[in-house]
Protein backbone atom coordinates (compact mmCIF):
# COMPACT_ATOMS: atom_id res chain seq x y z
CA MET A 1 0.08 0.03 0.08
CA GLU A 2 1.41 3.53 -1.11
CA LYS A 3 2.47 5.56 1.79
CA GLU A 4 0.00 8.81 2.57
CA LYS A 5 1.50 11.91 0.79
CA VAL A 6 2.42 15.02 3.63
CA VAL A 7 3.40 17.27 0.62
CA GLU A 8 2.52 17.70 -2.96
CA VAL A 9 3.70 20.00 -5.48
CA ARG A 10 2.57 20.38 -8.90
CA ARG A 11 4.02 22.61 -11.50
CA LEU A 12 4.75 25.22 -9.16
CA TYR A 13 6.38 28.31 -10.87
CA ALA A 14 7.83 31.16 -9.13
CA ALA A 15 9.68 34.26 -10.45
CA PHE A 16 11.02 37.51 -9.09
CA ASP A 17 10.78 40.71 -11.53
CA ASP A 18 12.06 38.93 -14.64
CA THR A 19 14.07 36.15 -13.13
CA VAL A 20 12.67 32.50 -13.28
CA VAL A 21 13.29 30.60 -9.76
CA LEU A 22 11.29 27.55 -10.17
CA SER A 23 10.03 26.22 -13.21
CA ASP A 24 6.93 23.42 -13.65
CA VAL A 25 8.38 21.92 -10.28
CA SER A 26 6.42 18.92 -9.07
CA PHE A 27 7.35 16.18 -6.44
CA SER A 28 5.52 14.24 -3.49
CA ALA A 29 6.80 13.43 0.14
CA TYR A 30 5.69 10.68 2.03
CA GLN A 31 4.66 9.80 5.59
CA GLY A 32 7.52 8.66 8.12
CA GLU A 33 10.30 9.49 5.56
CA VAL A 34 12.83 11.90 5.36
CA THR A 35 12.62 13.97 2.14
CA VAL A 36 15.90 16.01 1.40
CA ILE A 37 15.82 18.83 -1.24
CA LEU A 38 19.24 19.52 -2.77
CA GLY A 39 21.08 21.40 -5.25
CA GLY A 40 23.56 23.72 -5.69
CA SER A 41 23.49 27.72 -5.05
CA GLY A 42 21.02 29.21 -7.09
CA SER A 43 18.88 26.26 -7.72
CA GLY A 44 15.63 27.38 -5.89
CA LYS A 45 15.52 25.33 -2.65
CA THR A 46 15.25 28.39 -0.45
CA THR A 47 12.28 29.57 -2.61
CA LEU A 48 10.81 26.13 -2.86
CA LEU A 49 11.05 25.92 1.34
CA LYS A 50 9.24 28.97 1.58
CA HIS A 51 6.32 28.24 -0.70
CA LEU A 52 6.16 24.60 1.64
CA LEU A 53 5.92 26.90 4.83
CA ALA A 54 3.46 29.58 2.97
CA LEU A 55 5.82 32.20 3.25
CA TYR A 56 5.78 33.04 -0.38
CA PRO A 57 1.81 32.80 -1.84
CA VAL A 58 1.12 29.82 -4.29
CA GLU A 59 0.59 32.15 -7.75
CA ARG A 60 0.92 29.33 -10.37
CA GLY A 61 0.68 25.71 -9.76
CA TYR A 62 -0.65 23.82 -6.60
CA VAL A 63 0.85 23.11 -3.16
CA SER A 64 -0.40 20.90 -0.49
CA VAL A 65 1.04 20.19 2.74
CA LEU A 66 -1.04 17.72 5.02
CA GLY A 67 -3.65 17.53 2.68
CA GLN A 68 -4.27 21.47 2.57
CA ASP A 69 -4.33 23.33 -0.51
CA LEU A 70 -2.05 26.24 0.56
CA ALA A 71 -3.66 28.53 -2.19
CA ARG A 72 -7.24 28.09 -0.56
CA LEU A 73 -6.59 28.17 3.11
CA ARG A 74 -8.29 31.18 4.89
CA GLU A 75 -6.56 32.70 7.75
CA VAL A 76 -7.71 30.78 10.62
CA GLU A 77 -7.00 27.36 8.55
CA GLN A 78 -3.45 28.47 8.02
CA VAL A 79 -2.93 29.08 11.80
CA THR A 80 -4.45 25.47 12.37
CA LEU A 81 -1.97 24.17 9.96
CA TYR A 82 0.89 25.97 11.16
CA LEU A 83 0.48 24.35 14.33
CA GLN A 84 1.14 20.78 12.79
CA MET A 85 4.33 21.95 11.29
CA GLY A 86 7.33 22.33 13.22
CA VAL A 87 10.65 24.52 11.82
CA PHE A 88 13.92 23.80 12.62
CA TYR A 89 15.89 26.81 11.52
CA GLN A 90 19.57 27.02 10.56
CA SER A 91 20.43 29.96 13.08
CA GLY A 92 18.40 28.08 15.70
CA ALA A 93 16.43 31.37 16.11
CA LEU A 94 16.24 31.42 20.03
CA LEU A 95 15.44 34.75 21.77
CA ASN A 96 18.47 35.70 24.07
CA SER A 97 16.82 37.08 26.65
CA LEU A 98 14.76 33.94 27.47
CA THR A 99 16.04 30.76 29.10
CA VAL A 100 16.32 27.63 27.20
CA ALA A 101 12.91 26.20 28.56
CA GLU A 102 11.19 29.47 28.22
CA ASN A 103 12.26 29.53 24.35
CA ILE A 104 10.82 26.02 24.21
CA ALA A 105 7.90 26.80 25.71
CA LEU A 106 6.79 29.86 23.42
CA PRO A 107 4.77 28.03 21.21
CA LEU A 108 2.74 26.21 24.23
CA ALA A 109 2.21 29.37 25.78
CA GLN A 110 0.82 31.37 22.56
CA HIS A 111 -1.16 28.56 21.45
CA SER A 112 -2.54 26.43 24.28
CA ASP A 113 -4.54 26.83 27.93
CA LEU A 114 -2.39 24.40 29.20
CA PRO A 115 -1.10 25.38 33.01
CA LYS A 116 2.56 26.32 33.38
CA GLU A 117 3.18 23.28 35.34
CA LEU A 118 2.12 21.31 32.74
CA ILE A 119 3.95 23.27 30.22
CA ASP A 120 7.55 22.93 32.21
CA GLU A 121 6.30 19.06 32.38
CA ILE A 122 6.18 18.81 28.46
CA VAL A 123 9.35 20.98 27.98
CA HIS A 124 11.49 18.94 30.15
CA MET A 125 10.49 15.88 28.26
CA LYS A 126 11.12 17.57 25.08
CA LEU A 127 14.71 18.22 26.53
CA GLY A 128 15.26 15.07 27.40
CA LEU A 129 14.63 13.63 23.85
CA VAL A 130 17.40 15.78 22.36
CA ASN A 131 19.84 15.23 25.59
CA LEU A 132 19.47 18.41 26.88
CA SER A 133 17.71 18.11 30.29
CA HIS A 134 20.49 19.93 32.20
CA ALA A 135 20.03 23.19 30.15
CA PHE A 136 16.41 23.92 31.23
CA HIS A 137 17.38 27.14 33.33
CA LEU A 138 20.28 28.23 31.16
CA TYR A 139 20.31 31.10 28.63
CA PRO A 140 21.03 30.60 24.74
CA SER A 141 24.47 32.68 25.39
CA GLN A 142 25.56 29.84 27.55
CA LEU A 143 24.95 26.92 25.19
CA SER A 144 27.65 25.39 22.71
CA GLY A 145 27.10 25.35 18.95
CA GLY A 146 25.84 21.85 19.44
CA MET A 147 23.68 22.57 22.37
CA MET A 148 21.94 25.39 20.50
CA LYS A 149 21.00 23.13 17.50
CA ARG A 150 19.36 20.56 20.00
CA ALA A 151 17.43 23.28 21.73
CA ALA A 152 16.13 24.84 18.56
CA LEU A 153 15.08 21.00 17.55
CA ALA A 154 13.42 20.48 21.12
CA ARG A 155 11.50 23.78 20.31
CA ALA A 156 10.32 22.66 16.96
CA ILE A 157 8.92 19.53 18.07
CA VAL A 158 7.35 20.88 21.47
CA MET A 159 3.75 20.89 19.91
CA ASP A 160 4.35 17.19 18.70
CA PRO A 161 3.85 18.19 14.86
CA PRO A 162 3.48 15.34 12.37
CA LEU A 163 5.68 17.04 9.88
CA LEU A 164 9.20 19.06 10.39
CA PHE A 165 10.89 21.08 8.06
CA CYS A 166 14.48 21.29 8.52
CA ASP A 167 16.63 24.06 7.20
CA GLU A 168 20.16 23.52 6.76
CA PRO A 169 20.51 22.01 10.24
CA GLY A 170 23.92 20.95 10.45
CA ALA A 171 25.55 24.28 9.16
CA GLY A 172 28.40 25.17 11.42
CA LEU A 173 28.68 21.68 12.99
CA ASP A 174 32.04 19.63 13.15
CA PRO A 175 31.74 15.85 11.57
CA VAL A 176 31.36 14.56 15.35
CA LEU A 177 28.58 16.98 16.23
CA LEU A 178 27.00 16.67 12.83
CA GLU A 179 26.78 13.11 13.16
CA SER A 180 25.32 13.19 16.53
CA LEU A 181 22.61 15.71 15.20
CA ASP A 182 21.57 13.33 12.35
CA ASN A 183 21.32 10.48 14.57
CA LEU A 184 19.10 12.70 16.84
CA ILE A 185 16.72 13.70 13.99
CA LEU A 186 16.38 10.18 12.83
CA ASN A 187 15.59 8.73 16.48
CA LEU A 188 12.98 11.47 16.76
CA LYS A 189 11.73 10.33 13.55
CA ASN A 190 11.50 6.98 14.56
CA LYS A 191 10.19 7.58 18.14
CA LEU A 192 7.32 10.40 17.24
CA GLY A 193 6.53 8.78 13.96
CA MET A 194 7.26 12.45 12.07
CA SER A 195 7.99 12.91 8.53
CA ILE A 196 10.91 15.42 7.69
CA ILE A 197 11.55 17.63 4.93
CA MET A 198 15.58 18.99 4.83
CA VAL A 199 17.31 21.30 3.03
CA THR A 200 21.16 20.50 3.32
CA HIS A 201 24.09 20.45 1.32
CA GLU A 202 26.16 18.25 3.89
CA VAL A 203 26.76 15.06 2.16
CA SER A 204 27.48 12.75 5.11
CA SER A 205 24.04 13.93 6.53
CA ILE A 206 21.94 12.82 3.26
CA LEU A 207 23.87 9.78 3.49
CA ARG A 208 22.49 9.13 7.27
CA VAL A 209 19.19 10.35 6.82
CA ALA A 210 17.69 10.57 3.74
CA ASP A 211 14.98 8.30 2.47
CA ARG A 212 14.02 10.44 -0.54
CA ILE A 213 15.90 12.98 -2.62
CA VAL A 214 14.35 15.91 -4.65
CA PHE A 215 17.40 17.46 -6.84
CA LEU A 216 16.68 21.01 -8.01
CA ASP A 217 19.09 22.17 -10.71
CA LYS A 218 18.35 25.96 -12.13
CA GLY A 219 14.90 25.65 -10.75
CA VAL A 220 13.83 22.28 -12.22
CA VAL A 221 13.38 18.85 -10.56
CA VAL A 222 15.95 16.61 -12.35
CA LEU A 223 15.77 13.77 -9.91
CA GLU A 224 13.06 12.48 -7.46
CA GLY A 225 13.47 9.31 -6.00
CA PRO A 226 15.16 7.10 -3.31
CA LEU A 227 18.83 7.99 -2.30
CA THR A 228 20.31 4.91 -4.10
CA LYS A 229 18.58 6.10 -7.37
CA ALA A 230 20.34 9.65 -6.61
CA LEU A 231 23.72 7.94 -5.88
CA HIS A 232 23.60 6.09 -9.24
CA SER A 233 22.17 8.90 -11.43
CA GLU A 234 23.66 9.75 -14.40
CA VAL A 235 22.03 13.23 -14.28
CA PRO A 236 25.21 15.57 -14.68
CA ALA A 237 24.20 17.98 -11.89
CA VAL A 238 23.41 14.96 -9.63
CA LYS A 239 26.36 13.17 -10.67
CA GLU A 240 28.71 16.33 -9.83
CA PHE A 241 27.31 16.69 -6.52
CA PHE A 242 27.45 13.22 -5.35
CA SER A 243 31.23 13.04 -7.28
CA VAL A 244 32.89 14.54 -4.11
CA MET A 245 32.25 11.40 -1.68
CA LYS A 246 35.43 9.29 -2.22
CA ASN A 247 35.10 7.27 1.12
CA GLU A 248 33.94 4.02 2.06
CA ASN A 249 30.46 4.71 3.27
CA VAL A 250 29.84 5.92 -0.28
CA ARG A 251 31.36 2.77 -2.20
CA GLU A 252 29.37 0.34 0.44
CA LEU A 253 26.09 2.02 -0.45
CA LEU A 254 26.85 1.66 -4.34
CA LYS A 255 27.67 -2.00 -3.87
């Protein structure tokens, strides 16, 4: 039985002034999978992600997220959809004036009527899931780069969203911390049953986490399919992207 689609994009077109950024983009992402959006600089990844997050209007084409046609949503329906979507930003986007716990609690405080005691309990639980229980009373300025990423991840999942968007989550991390973050994301996917849409250029991360690849080149999807299909692809842009991988892990996957 085919998995449920959590994202469906059909013939999406986007242009700014006279510059075409996305042209006839179509792909699907499925429940319980990590879909990685790839492409070189200027390929349209960020523009596509902003359409999926409804930050850019769909002017031509069709974009559905969790079964909702983004172009037809009323304001109240948009809010309901946003509460089902977690976003893990590259910078972390934590407020320096608030403690880690207060940062993570923000979505619950703003969008629920839960008492503070229960919110604190939920925050403790989410911090535990990202191995950051000791940081409850710390401020963002007291966190290392890796800890900041994990705190941002805890905030992204505090509402138990079925769909998580990750924008370059491993940017700036050394290889050891990057692998640790990847394993954490996979663990959360498996424990919470989340579907994940990730934009990244970290090849090692792609190998560890990706179920499905959507590869953009000059605003066009040139490949969509499982990771193994991308690794074996003869599409020039895809082949060049993965050609940097000359290690044993890749050779093992290519067998």
